[in-house]
Each structure stands twice: as C-alpha cells, then as structure tokens.
Amino acid sequence: MSSRKPFEEIVQEHGPTVLRVCRALLGPADAEDAWSETFLAALHAYPRLREDSNVEAWLVTIAHRKALDHLRATSRRPIAMDELPERPRTDGDSEGWELDLRKALGALPLKQRQTITYHYLAGMSYLEVAQIVGGSQDAARRAAADGMATLRKTFLEGASR
C-alpha cells in the first residue's frame, strides 16, 4: 500500500516555495505561468516519483526547467525600452526595494541567479543546487557568492548616493 500524500497536499505544502523560485527567476509577470506549468508537469509525473524522493527538490527542479523554457522564449522576443532603467531605490519604499531587488537579481548571469534563488529562497543545499543547475557543489557555492557580492555592491552603491 502506498503512503504517498495526495497531490493537493504537495501543492499546498510546496507551492509557496515554488512560487518564490519562479518569481526570483522570472519576475512577477511570468512567475504564475511557470508555477502552473510546474505543477501540471508534476501532476503527470507524481505517480512515477519514488516514495523516498525529496519532493521539494523535485518540484524546484521542474520549476527550474519551466523557468528556463520561459527565459528562452523571452530571449527570442524583442524588448522595447524608451529610457534606461533607474538605479535601485533607497528611500525605504518596500515595494520599490523589492522591485529593485528583482531587477538586480534579473541582471545577474543565469547561473548566479539560479543558485541564489535555489539556495537562499528555496533553502536548498549547495549539493541539491548543483544537481539542478549542473556542476559541482563548490561551483554552486562560488556562483552564489559571486552573485551575492554583485547584489551587495549594487545596493551599497545605491545607498551611498
């Protein structure tokens, strides 16, 4: 007899983490689509998932792939810009700060953005991150450290102006 949780419980338990991952990688506009696509794909594959699998890591891996699909599709579309983006805000506006953080995160190289998202937002170990993005645990740790250094520099420079 299977001790597998109903899929609805899986969505309820891990949905917020998957949404945070999707938002960090894609921004708010595409995050909900990627979240839906993640759970639709997971629903189809769930009956074949080994019972001893780390469900959260499995879902983040699916979200990673769906985010890559969205990024590839987006990179093929032209982006119209009337003016240059503004520097990060430092006026204490939490919504503006969050938007600035998303923009800064989005400006990072893909591997740095992924490792920061999976490690810091999804709470995954560097080993789990490396299994998702490819490479070694040390490479994942280095990518996250480099990305965090860039984010700190971006926000510290913005704060000193």
C-alpha atoms as a PDB file:
ATOM      1  CA  MET A   1       0.000   0.000   0.000  1.00  0.00           C
ATOM      2  CA  SER A   2       1.308   3.429  -0.935  1.00  0.00           C
ATOM      3  CA  SER A   3       1.941   6.070   1.707  1.00  0.00           C
ATOM      4  CA  ARG A   4       2.102   8.769  -0.955  1.00  0.00           C
ATOM      5  CA  LYS A   5       0.469  12.083   0.011  1.00  0.00           C
ATOM      6  CA  PRO A   6      -2.415  13.340  -2.090  1.00  0.00           C
ATOM      7  CA  PHE A   7      -1.135  15.734  -4.738  1.00  0.00           C
ATOM      8  CA  GLU A   8      -3.254  18.563  -3.338  1.00  0.00           C
ATOM      9  CA  GLU A   9      -1.216  18.370  -0.101  1.00  0.00           C
ATOM     10  CA  ILE A  10       2.005  18.545  -2.112  1.00  0.00           C
ATOM     11  CA  VAL A  11       0.784  21.710  -3.835  1.00  0.00           C
ATOM     12  CA  GLN A  12      -0.284  23.264  -0.545  1.00  0.00           C
ATOM     13  CA  GLU A  13       2.972  22.368   1.216  1.00  0.00           C
ATOM     14  CA  HIS A  14       5.455  23.294  -1.519  1.00  0.00           C
ATOM     15  CA  GLY A  15       3.515  25.776  -3.654  1.00  0.00           C
ATOM     16  CA  PRO A  16       4.826  28.893  -1.887  1.00  0.00           C
ATOM     17  CA  THR A  17       8.460  27.798  -2.280  1.00  0.00           C
ATOM     18  CA  VAL A  18       7.967  27.016  -5.964  1.00  0.00           C
ATOM     19  CA  LEU A  19       6.293  30.400  -6.489  1.00  0.00           C
ATOM     20  CA  ARG A  20       9.206  32.199  -4.767  1.00  0.00           C
ATOM     21  CA  VAL A  21      11.631  30.360  -7.043  1.00  0.00           C
ATOM     22  CA  CYS A  22       9.612  31.249 -10.144  1.00  0.00           C
ATOM     23  CA  ARG A  23       9.314  34.914  -9.104  1.00  0.00           C
ATOM     24  CA  ALA A  24      13.027  35.207  -8.408  1.00  0.00           C
ATOM     25  CA  LEU A  25      13.990  33.665 -11.730  1.00  0.00           C
ATOM     26  CA  LEU A  26      11.325  35.223 -13.931  1.00  0.00           C
ATOM     27  CA  GLY A  27       9.796  38.175 -12.132  1.00  0.00           C
ATOM     28  CA  PRO A  28       6.115  38.539 -11.316  1.00  0.00           C
ATOM     29  CA  ALA A  29       4.828  38.662 -14.897  1.00  0.00           C
ATOM     30  CA  ASP A  30       5.773  35.100 -15.856  1.00  0.00           C
ATOM     31  CA  ALA A  31       6.055  33.514 -12.409  1.00  0.00           C
ATOM     32  CA  GLU A  32       2.460  32.350 -12.098  1.00  0.00           C
ATOM     33  CA  ASP A  33       2.529  30.740 -15.542  1.00  0.00           C
ATOM     34  CA  ALA A  34       5.746  28.895 -14.683  1.00  0.00           C
ATOM     35  CA  TRP A  35       4.261  27.881 -11.315  1.00  0.00           C
ATOM     36  CA  SER A  36       1.173  26.448 -13.031  1.00  0.00           C
ATOM     37  CA  GLU A  37       3.268  24.664 -15.641  1.00  0.00           C
ATOM     38  CA  THR A  38       5.461  23.240 -12.878  1.00  0.00           C
ATOM     39  CA  PHE A  39       2.556  21.715 -11.001  1.00  0.00           C
ATOM     40  CA  LEU A  40       0.858  20.499 -14.172  1.00  0.00           C
ATOM     41  CA  ALA A  41       4.035  18.648 -15.165  1.00  0.00           C
ATOM     42  CA  ALA A  42       4.449  17.396 -11.591  1.00  0.00           C
ATOM     43  CA  LEU A  43       0.881  16.117 -11.500  1.00  0.00           C
ATOM     44  CA  HIS A  44       1.561  13.950 -14.535  1.00  0.00           C
ATOM     45  CA  ALA A  45       4.866  12.645 -13.162  1.00  0.00           C
ATOM     46  CA  TYR A  46       3.863  12.285  -9.495  1.00  0.00           C
ATOM     47  CA  PRO A  47       2.579   8.705  -9.744  1.00  0.00           C
ATOM     48  CA  ARG A  48       6.029   7.632 -11.021  1.00  0.00           C
ATOM     49  CA  LEU A  49       8.009   9.509  -8.352  1.00  0.00           C
ATOM     50  CA  ARG A  50       9.943   7.237  -5.995  1.00  0.00           C
ATOM     51  CA  GLU A  51       8.470   7.288  -2.495  1.00  0.00           C
ATOM     52  CA  ASP A  52      11.827   8.198  -0.912  1.00  0.00           C
ATOM     53  CA  SER A  53      12.332  11.221  -3.216  1.00  0.00           C
ATOM     54  CA  ASN A  54      12.857  14.739  -1.917  1.00  0.00           C
ATOM     55  CA  VAL A  55       9.597  16.225  -3.219  1.00  0.00           C
ATOM     56  CA  GLU A  56      10.635  19.837  -2.725  1.00  0.00           C
ATOM     57  CA  ALA A  57      13.897  19.390  -4.648  1.00  0.00           C
ATOM     58  CA  TRP A  58      11.984  17.533  -7.362  1.00  0.00           C
ATOM     59  CA  LEU A  59       9.490  20.406  -7.687  1.00  0.00           C
ATOM     60  CA  VAL A  60      12.257  23.033  -7.722  1.00  0.00           C
ATOM     61  CA  THR A  61      13.974  21.047 -10.484  1.00  0.00           C
ATOM     62  CA  ILE A  62      10.771  21.103 -12.528  1.00  0.00           C
ATOM     63  CA  ALA A  63      10.338  24.839 -11.815  1.00  0.00           C
ATOM     64  CA  HIS A  64      13.952  25.375 -12.911  1.00  0.00           C
ATOM     65  CA  ARG A  65      13.233  23.730 -16.252  1.00  0.00           C
ATOM     66  CA  LYS A  66       9.991  25.643 -16.741  1.00  0.00           C
ATOM     67  CA  ALA A  67      11.777  28.909 -15.905  1.00  0.00           C
ATOM     68  CA  LEU A  68      14.474  28.095 -18.465  1.00  0.00           C
ATOM     69  CA  ASP A  69      11.749  27.470 -21.045  1.00  0.00           C
ATOM     70  CA  HIS A  70      10.244  30.906 -20.274  1.00  0.00           C
ATOM     71  CA  LEU A  71      13.657  32.601 -20.382  1.00  0.00           C
ATOM     72  CA  ARG A  72      14.456  31.019 -23.734  1.00  0.00           C
ATOM     73  CA  ALA A  73      11.087  32.083 -25.138  1.00  0.00           C
ATOM     74  CA  THR A  74      11.513  35.604 -23.743  1.00  0.00           C
ATOM     75  CA  SER A  75      15.015  35.936 -25.158  1.00  0.00           C
ATOM     76  CA  ARG A  76      13.548  35.415 -28.627  1.00  0.00           C
ATOM     77  CA  ARG A  77      11.123  38.339 -28.260  1.00  0.00           C
ATOM     78  CA  PRO A  78      12.205  41.945 -28.769  1.00  0.00           C
ATOM     79  CA  ILE A  79      12.162  44.257 -25.761  1.00  0.00           C
ATOM     80  CA  ALA A  80      11.053  47.852 -26.321  1.00  0.00           C
ATOM     81  CA  MET A  81      12.601  50.416 -23.993  1.00  0.00           C
ATOM     82  CA  ASP A  82      12.013  54.161 -24.110  1.00  0.00           C
ATOM     83  CA  GLU A  83      14.559  55.051 -21.451  1.00  0.00           C
ATOM     84  CA  LEU A  84      17.256  53.481 -19.301  1.00  0.00           C
ATOM     85  CA  PRO A  85      16.191  51.742 -16.072  1.00  0.00           C
ATOM     86  CA  GLU A  86      16.553  53.699 -12.830  1.00  0.00           C
ATOM     87  CA  ARG A  87      19.095  52.906 -10.138  1.00  0.00           C
ATOM     88  CA  PRO A  88      17.880  50.930  -7.105  1.00  0.00           C
ATOM     89  CA  ARG A  89      15.800  52.964  -4.657  1.00  0.00           C
ATOM     90  CA  THR A  90      16.981  53.729  -1.175  1.00  0.00           C
ATOM     91  CA  ASP A  91      14.008  55.717   0.124  1.00  0.00           C
ATOM     92  CA  GLY A  92      12.681  52.913   2.345  1.00  0.00           C
ATOM     93  CA  ASP A  93       9.803  52.113  -0.020  1.00  0.00           C
ATOM     94  CA  SER A  94       9.447  48.346   0.500  1.00  0.00           C
ATOM     95  CA  GLU A  95       7.623  47.723  -2.775  1.00  0.00           C
ATOM     96  CA  GLY A  96      10.226  49.734  -4.673  1.00  0.00           C
ATOM     97  CA  TRP A  97      13.029  47.954  -2.852  1.00  0.00           C
ATOM     98  CA  GLU A  98      11.536  44.569  -3.728  1.00  0.00           C
ATOM     99  CA  LEU A  99      11.178  45.617  -7.357  1.00  0.00           C
ATOM    100  CA  ASP A 100      14.774  46.864  -7.377  1.00  0.00           C
ATOM    101  CA  LEU A 101      15.945  43.571  -5.890  1.00  0.00           C
ATOM    102  CA  ARG A 102      14.072  41.625  -8.576  1.00  0.00           C
ATOM    103  CA  LYS A 103      15.665  43.805 -11.254  1.00  0.00           C
ATOM    104  CA  ALA A 104      19.135  43.371  -9.746  1.00  0.00           C
ATOM    105  CA  LEU A 105      18.597  39.625  -9.449  1.00  0.00           C
ATOM    106  CA  GLY A 106      17.392  39.530 -13.045  1.00  0.00           C
ATOM    107  CA  ALA A 107      20.552  41.313 -14.195  1.00  0.00           C
ATOM    108  CA  LEU A 108      22.797  38.589 -12.772  1.00  0.00           C
ATOM    109  CA  PRO A 109      24.124  35.848 -15.011  1.00  0.00           C
ATOM    110  CA  LEU A 110      21.644  32.962 -15.132  1.00  0.00           C
ATOM    111  CA  LYS A 111      23.700  30.510 -13.053  1.00  0.00           C
ATOM    112  CA  GLN A 112      24.235  33.076 -10.268  1.00  0.00           C
ATOM    113  CA  ARG A 113      20.533  33.979 -10.263  1.00  0.00           C
ATOM    114  CA  GLN A 114      19.591  30.295 -10.109  1.00  0.00           C
ATOM    115  CA  THR A 115      21.985  29.383  -7.304  1.00  0.00           C
ATOM    116  CA  ILE A 116      20.923  32.379  -5.196  1.00  0.00           C
ATOM    117  CA  THR A 117      17.268  31.573  -5.771  1.00  0.00           C
ATOM    118  CA  TYR A 118      17.523  27.871  -5.006  1.00  0.00           C
ATOM    119  CA  HIS A 119      19.848  28.244  -2.016  1.00  0.00           C
ATOM    120  CA  TYR A 120      18.550  31.391  -0.345  1.00  0.00           C
ATOM    121  CA  LEU A 121      14.876  31.417  -1.352  1.00  0.00           C
ATOM    122  CA  ALA A 122      14.142  27.694  -1.610  1.00  0.00           C
ATOM    123  CA  GLY A 123      16.519  26.737   1.218  1.00  0.00           C
ATOM    124  CA  MET A 124      18.260  24.023  -0.770  1.00  0.00           C
ATOM    125  CA  SER A 125      21.784  22.826  -0.019  1.00  0.00           C
ATOM    126  CA  TYR A 126      24.557  23.622  -2.468  1.00  0.00           C
ATOM    127  CA  LEU A 127      24.684  19.930  -3.369  1.00  0.00           C
ATOM    128  CA  GLU A 128      20.997  19.992  -4.329  1.00  0.00           C
ATOM    129  CA  VAL A 129      21.532  23.231  -6.236  1.00  0.00           C
ATOM    130  CA  ALA A 130      24.438  21.690  -8.148  1.00  0.00           C
ATOM    131  CA  GLN A 131      22.286  18.714  -9.082  1.00  0.00           C
ATOM    132  CA  ILE A 132      19.694  21.046 -10.593  1.00  0.00           C
ATOM    133  CA  VAL A 133      21.871  23.584 -12.404  1.00  0.00           C
ATOM    134  CA  GLY A 134      24.760  21.262 -13.200  1.00  0.00           C
ATOM    135  CA  GLY A 135      28.324  21.416 -11.983  1.00  0.00           C
ATOM    136  CA  SER A 136      29.817  20.770  -8.587  1.00  0.00           C
ATOM    137  CA  GLN A 137      28.770  21.778  -5.095  1.00  0.00           C
ATOM    138  CA  ASP A 138      31.788  24.130  -4.965  1.00  0.00           C
ATOM    139  CA  ALA A 139      30.806  25.734  -8.284  1.00  0.00           C
ATOM    140  CA  ALA A 140      27.292  26.337  -6.964  1.00  0.00           C
ATOM    141  CA  ARG A 141      28.706  27.885  -3.779  1.00  0.00           C
ATOM    142  CA  ARG A 142      31.024  30.112  -5.872  1.00  0.00           C
ATOM    143  CA  ALA A 143      28.214  31.220  -8.202  1.00  0.00           C
ATOM    144  CA  ALA A 144      26.023  32.125  -5.222  1.00  0.00           C
ATOM    145  CA  ALA A 145      28.882  34.012  -3.534  1.00  0.00           C
ATOM    146  CA  ASP A 146      29.674  35.946  -6.726  1.00  0.00           C
ATOM    147  CA  GLY A 147      26.007  36.787  -7.236  1.00  0.00           C
ATOM    148  CA  MET A 148      25.579  37.931  -3.637  1.00  0.00           C
ATOM    149  CA  ALA A 149      28.690  40.105  -3.945  1.00  0.00           C
ATOM    150  CA  THR A 150      27.217  41.760  -7.041  1.00  0.00           C
ATOM    151  CA  LEU A 151      23.875  42.310  -5.287  1.00  0.00           C
ATOM    152  CA  ARG A 152      25.592  43.814  -2.233  1.00  0.00           C
ATOM    153  CA  LYS A 153      27.655  46.111  -4.438  1.00  0.00           C
ATOM    154  CA  THR A 154      24.537  47.168  -6.380  1.00  0.00           C
ATOM    155  CA  PHE A 155      22.611  48.042  -3.238  1.00  0.00           C
ATOM    156  CA  LEU A 156      25.513  49.541  -1.294  1.00  0.00           C
ATOM    157  CA  GLU A 157      26.397  51.836  -4.205  1.00  0.00           C
ATOM    158  CA  GLY A 158      22.720  52.819  -4.463  1.00  0.00           C
ATOM    159  CA  ALA A 159      22.564  53.545  -0.724  1.00  0.00           C
ATOM    160  CA  SER A 160      25.621  55.817  -0.789  1.00  0.00           C
ATOM    161  CA  ARG A 161      24.074  58.129  -3.425  1.00  0.00           C
END
